[in-house]
Amino acid sequence: MNKEIHINSGENVEINQTITEPKPDSTSVGGVSLTTGYGWGVDVGIILIIVAGLYVAKKMVDKWIR
């Protein structure tokens, strides 16, 4: 693709170009989104490990409060 810009003498011209990179696909579970770049299986595995950690922490706090 060729682009040409023609400018007449004596005129000020400002040219701005913005290039946006596409967002990579990410895995989202329950509002939590994660992108590691290793594929959706790794993303889901990490999210499940985090959820399991939160569950165990909640159970420990429940025992501590009783």
N, C-alpha and C. Protein backbone atom coordinates (compact mmCIF):
# COMPACT_ATOMS: atom_id res chain seq x y z
N MET A 1 0.85 -1.17 0.00
CA MET A 1 0.00 0.00 0.00
C MET A 1 0.89 1.23 0.00
N ASN A 2 0.70 2.07 -0.95
CA ASN A 2 1.47 3.31 -1.06
C ASN A 2 0.64 4.48 -0.57
N LYS A 3 1.31 5.37 0.15
CA LYS A 3 0.66 6.58 0.63
C LYS A 3 1.47 7.77 0.15
N GLU A 4 0.78 8.75 -0.40
CA GLU A 4 1.45 9.95 -0.87
C GLU A 4 0.82 11.16 -0.19
N ILE A 5 1.66 12.11 0.18
CA ILE A 5 1.21 13.36 0.76
C ILE A 5 1.76 14.49 -0.09
N HIS A 6 0.87 15.33 -0.58
CA HIS A 6 1.27 16.47 -1.40
C HIS A 6 1.07 17.74 -0.57
N ILE A 7 2.12 18.55 -0.48
CA ILE A 7 2.06 19.78 0.30
C ILE A 7 2.39 20.96 -0.61
N ASN A 8 1.50 21.96 -0.61
CA ASN A 8 1.76 23.17 -1.37
C ASN A 8 2.74 24.04 -0.59
N SER A 9 3.55 24.78 -1.26
CA SER A 9 4.55 25.61 -0.58
C SER A 9 3.87 26.70 0.25
N GLY A 10 4.46 26.98 1.41
CA GLY A 10 3.95 28.04 2.26
C GLY A 10 2.90 27.60 3.25
N GLU A 11 2.54 26.34 3.29
CA GLU A 11 1.53 25.85 4.23
C GLU A 11 2.19 24.96 5.28
N ASN A 12 1.73 25.12 6.51
CA ASN A 12 2.20 24.25 7.59
C ASN A 12 1.32 23.01 7.64
N VAL A 13 1.95 21.86 7.71
CA VAL A 13 1.19 20.61 7.74
C VAL A 13 1.73 19.75 8.88
N GLU A 14 0.82 19.22 9.69
CA GLU A 14 1.20 18.29 10.75
C GLU A 14 0.51 16.96 10.48
N ILE A 15 1.29 15.90 10.50
CA ILE A 15 0.76 14.57 10.22
C ILE A 15 0.98 13.70 11.46
N ASN A 16 -0.11 13.13 11.98
CA ASN A 16 -0.03 12.22 13.12
C ASN A 16 -0.59 10.87 12.71
N GLN A 17 0.12 9.83 13.07
CA GLN A 17 -0.37 8.48 12.77
C GLN A 17 -0.30 7.66 14.05
N THR A 18 -1.39 7.00 14.38
CA THR A 18 -1.45 6.16 15.56
C THR A 18 -1.67 4.72 15.13
N ILE A 19 -0.80 3.85 15.61
CA ILE A 19 -0.92 2.43 15.29
C ILE A 19 -1.30 1.72 16.58
N THR A 20 -2.42 1.03 16.56
CA THR A 20 -2.85 0.29 17.74
C THR A 20 -2.57 -1.19 17.53
N GLU A 21 -2.08 -1.81 18.59
CA GLU A 21 -1.82 -3.24 18.53
C GLU A 21 -3.08 -3.97 18.99
N PRO A 22 -3.43 -5.05 18.32
CA PRO A 22 -4.62 -5.79 18.75
C PRO A 22 -4.40 -6.43 20.11
N LYS A 23 -5.45 -6.45 20.92
CA LYS A 23 -5.36 -7.09 22.23
C LYS A 23 -5.30 -8.61 22.04
N PRO A 24 -4.43 -9.27 22.78
CA PRO A 24 -4.41 -10.73 22.69
C PRO A 24 -5.65 -11.31 23.35
N ASP A 25 -6.06 -12.48 22.89
CA ASP A 25 -7.20 -13.15 23.49
C ASP A 25 -6.84 -13.50 24.92
N SER A 26 -7.78 -13.29 25.82
CA SER A 26 -7.52 -13.61 27.22
C SER A 26 -8.63 -14.49 27.75
N THR A 27 -8.30 -15.24 28.78
CA THR A 27 -9.26 -16.11 29.43
C THR A 27 -9.90 -15.33 30.56
N SER A 28 -11.22 -15.39 30.65
CA SER A 28 -11.94 -14.66 31.69
C SER A 28 -12.85 -15.64 32.43
N VAL A 29 -12.69 -15.69 33.75
CA VAL A 29 -13.52 -16.55 34.58
C VAL A 29 -14.05 -15.71 35.72
N GLY A 30 -15.36 -15.57 35.79
CA GLY A 30 -15.98 -14.83 36.89
C GLY A 30 -15.51 -13.39 36.99
N GLY A 31 -15.22 -12.75 35.90
CA GLY A 31 -14.78 -11.36 35.91
C GLY A 31 -13.28 -11.20 36.05
N VAL A 32 -12.55 -12.31 36.25
CA VAL A 32 -11.09 -12.26 36.35
C VAL A 32 -10.54 -12.63 34.99
N SER A 33 -9.69 -11.78 34.43
CA SER A 33 -9.13 -12.01 33.11
C SER A 33 -7.62 -12.19 33.22
N LEU A 34 -7.08 -13.13 32.45
CA LEU A 34 -5.66 -13.42 32.53
C LEU A 34 -5.13 -13.79 31.15
N THR A 35 -3.99 -13.25 30.79
CA THR A 35 -3.33 -13.60 29.54
C THR A 35 -1.86 -13.86 29.82
N THR A 36 -1.44 -15.11 29.66
CA THR A 36 -0.03 -15.45 29.88
C THR A 36 0.71 -15.63 28.57
N GLY A 37 -0.01 -15.88 27.50
CA GLY A 37 0.62 -16.12 26.22
C GLY A 37 0.92 -17.59 25.97
N TYR A 38 0.58 -18.46 26.94
CA TYR A 38 0.85 -19.88 26.80
C TYR A 38 -0.37 -20.67 26.35
N GLY A 39 -1.49 -20.05 26.16
CA GLY A 39 -2.70 -20.75 25.76
C GLY A 39 -3.74 -20.69 26.86
N TRP A 40 -4.97 -21.02 26.47
CA TRP A 40 -6.08 -20.87 27.41
C TRP A 40 -6.00 -21.89 28.54
N GLY A 41 -5.42 -23.06 28.33
CA GLY A 41 -5.33 -24.07 29.38
C GLY A 41 -4.49 -23.61 30.55
N VAL A 42 -3.37 -22.97 30.27
CA VAL A 42 -2.50 -22.45 31.33
C VAL A 42 -3.20 -21.31 32.06
N ASP A 43 -3.88 -20.44 31.31
CA ASP A 43 -4.61 -19.33 31.92
C ASP A 43 -5.67 -19.84 32.89
N VAL A 44 -6.46 -20.82 32.45
CA VAL A 44 -7.52 -21.36 33.29
C VAL A 44 -6.91 -22.06 34.51
N GLY A 45 -5.82 -22.79 34.31
CA GLY A 45 -5.15 -23.46 35.43
C GLY A 45 -4.70 -22.49 36.49
N ILE A 46 -4.12 -21.38 36.08
CA ILE A 46 -3.66 -20.36 37.04
C ILE A 46 -4.84 -19.76 37.79
N ILE A 47 -5.91 -19.47 37.07
CA ILE A 47 -7.10 -18.90 37.73
C ILE A 47 -7.67 -19.90 38.73
N LEU A 48 -7.71 -21.18 38.37
CA LEU A 48 -8.23 -22.19 39.30
C LEU A 48 -7.34 -22.33 40.54
N ILE A 49 -6.04 -22.24 40.37
CA ILE A 49 -5.13 -22.28 41.52
C ILE A 49 -5.37 -21.09 42.44
N ILE A 50 -5.59 -19.91 41.86
CA ILE A 50 -5.87 -18.72 42.67
C ILE A 50 -7.19 -18.88 43.42
N VAL A 51 -8.22 -19.39 42.74
CA VAL A 51 -9.52 -19.59 43.39
C VAL A 51 -9.40 -20.62 44.51
N ALA A 52 -8.64 -21.70 44.27
CA ALA A 52 -8.45 -22.71 45.31
C ALA A 52 -7.71 -22.11 46.51
N GLY A 53 -6.72 -21.28 46.27
CA GLY A 53 -6.01 -20.62 47.36
C GLY A 53 -6.93 -19.73 48.18
N LEU A 54 -7.80 -19.00 47.51
CA LEU A 54 -8.76 -18.15 48.22
C LEU A 54 -9.72 -18.98 49.05
N TYR A 55 -10.14 -20.13 48.52
CA TYR A 55 -11.05 -21.01 49.24
C TYR A 55 -10.39 -21.55 50.51
N VAL A 56 -9.15 -22.00 50.38
CA VAL A 56 -8.42 -22.53 51.54
C VAL A 56 -8.21 -21.43 52.57
N ALA A 57 -7.86 -20.23 52.12
CA ALA A 57 -7.67 -19.11 53.04
C ALA A 57 -8.97 -18.79 53.78
N LYS A 58 -10.09 -18.83 53.07
CA LYS A 58 -11.38 -18.56 53.70
C LYS A 58 -11.68 -19.60 54.76
N LYS A 59 -11.43 -20.87 54.47
CA LYS A 59 -11.67 -21.94 55.45
C LYS A 59 -10.79 -21.76 56.68
N MET A 60 -9.55 -21.35 56.49
CA MET A 60 -8.65 -21.13 57.62
C MET A 60 -9.13 -19.97 58.48
N VAL A 61 -9.61 -18.90 57.85
CA VAL A 61 -10.13 -17.76 58.60
C VAL A 61 -11.39 -18.17 59.35
N ASP A 62 -12.26 -18.98 58.73
CA ASP A 62 -13.47 -19.45 59.40
C ASP A 62 -13.11 -20.26 60.65
N LYS A 63 -12.11 -21.12 60.56
CA LYS A 63 -11.68 -21.90 61.73
C LYS A 63 -11.10 -20.99 62.81
N TRP A 64 -10.35 -20.00 62.43
CA TRP A 64 -9.71 -19.09 63.36
C TRP A 64 -10.75 -18.25 64.12
N ILE A 65 -11.83 -17.87 63.42
CA ILE A 65 -12.88 -17.03 64.03
C ILE A 65 -13.69 -17.84 65.04
N ARG A 66 -13.91 -19.12 64.78
CA ARG A 66 -14.73 -19.94 65.69
C ARG A 66 -14.04 -20.09 66.96
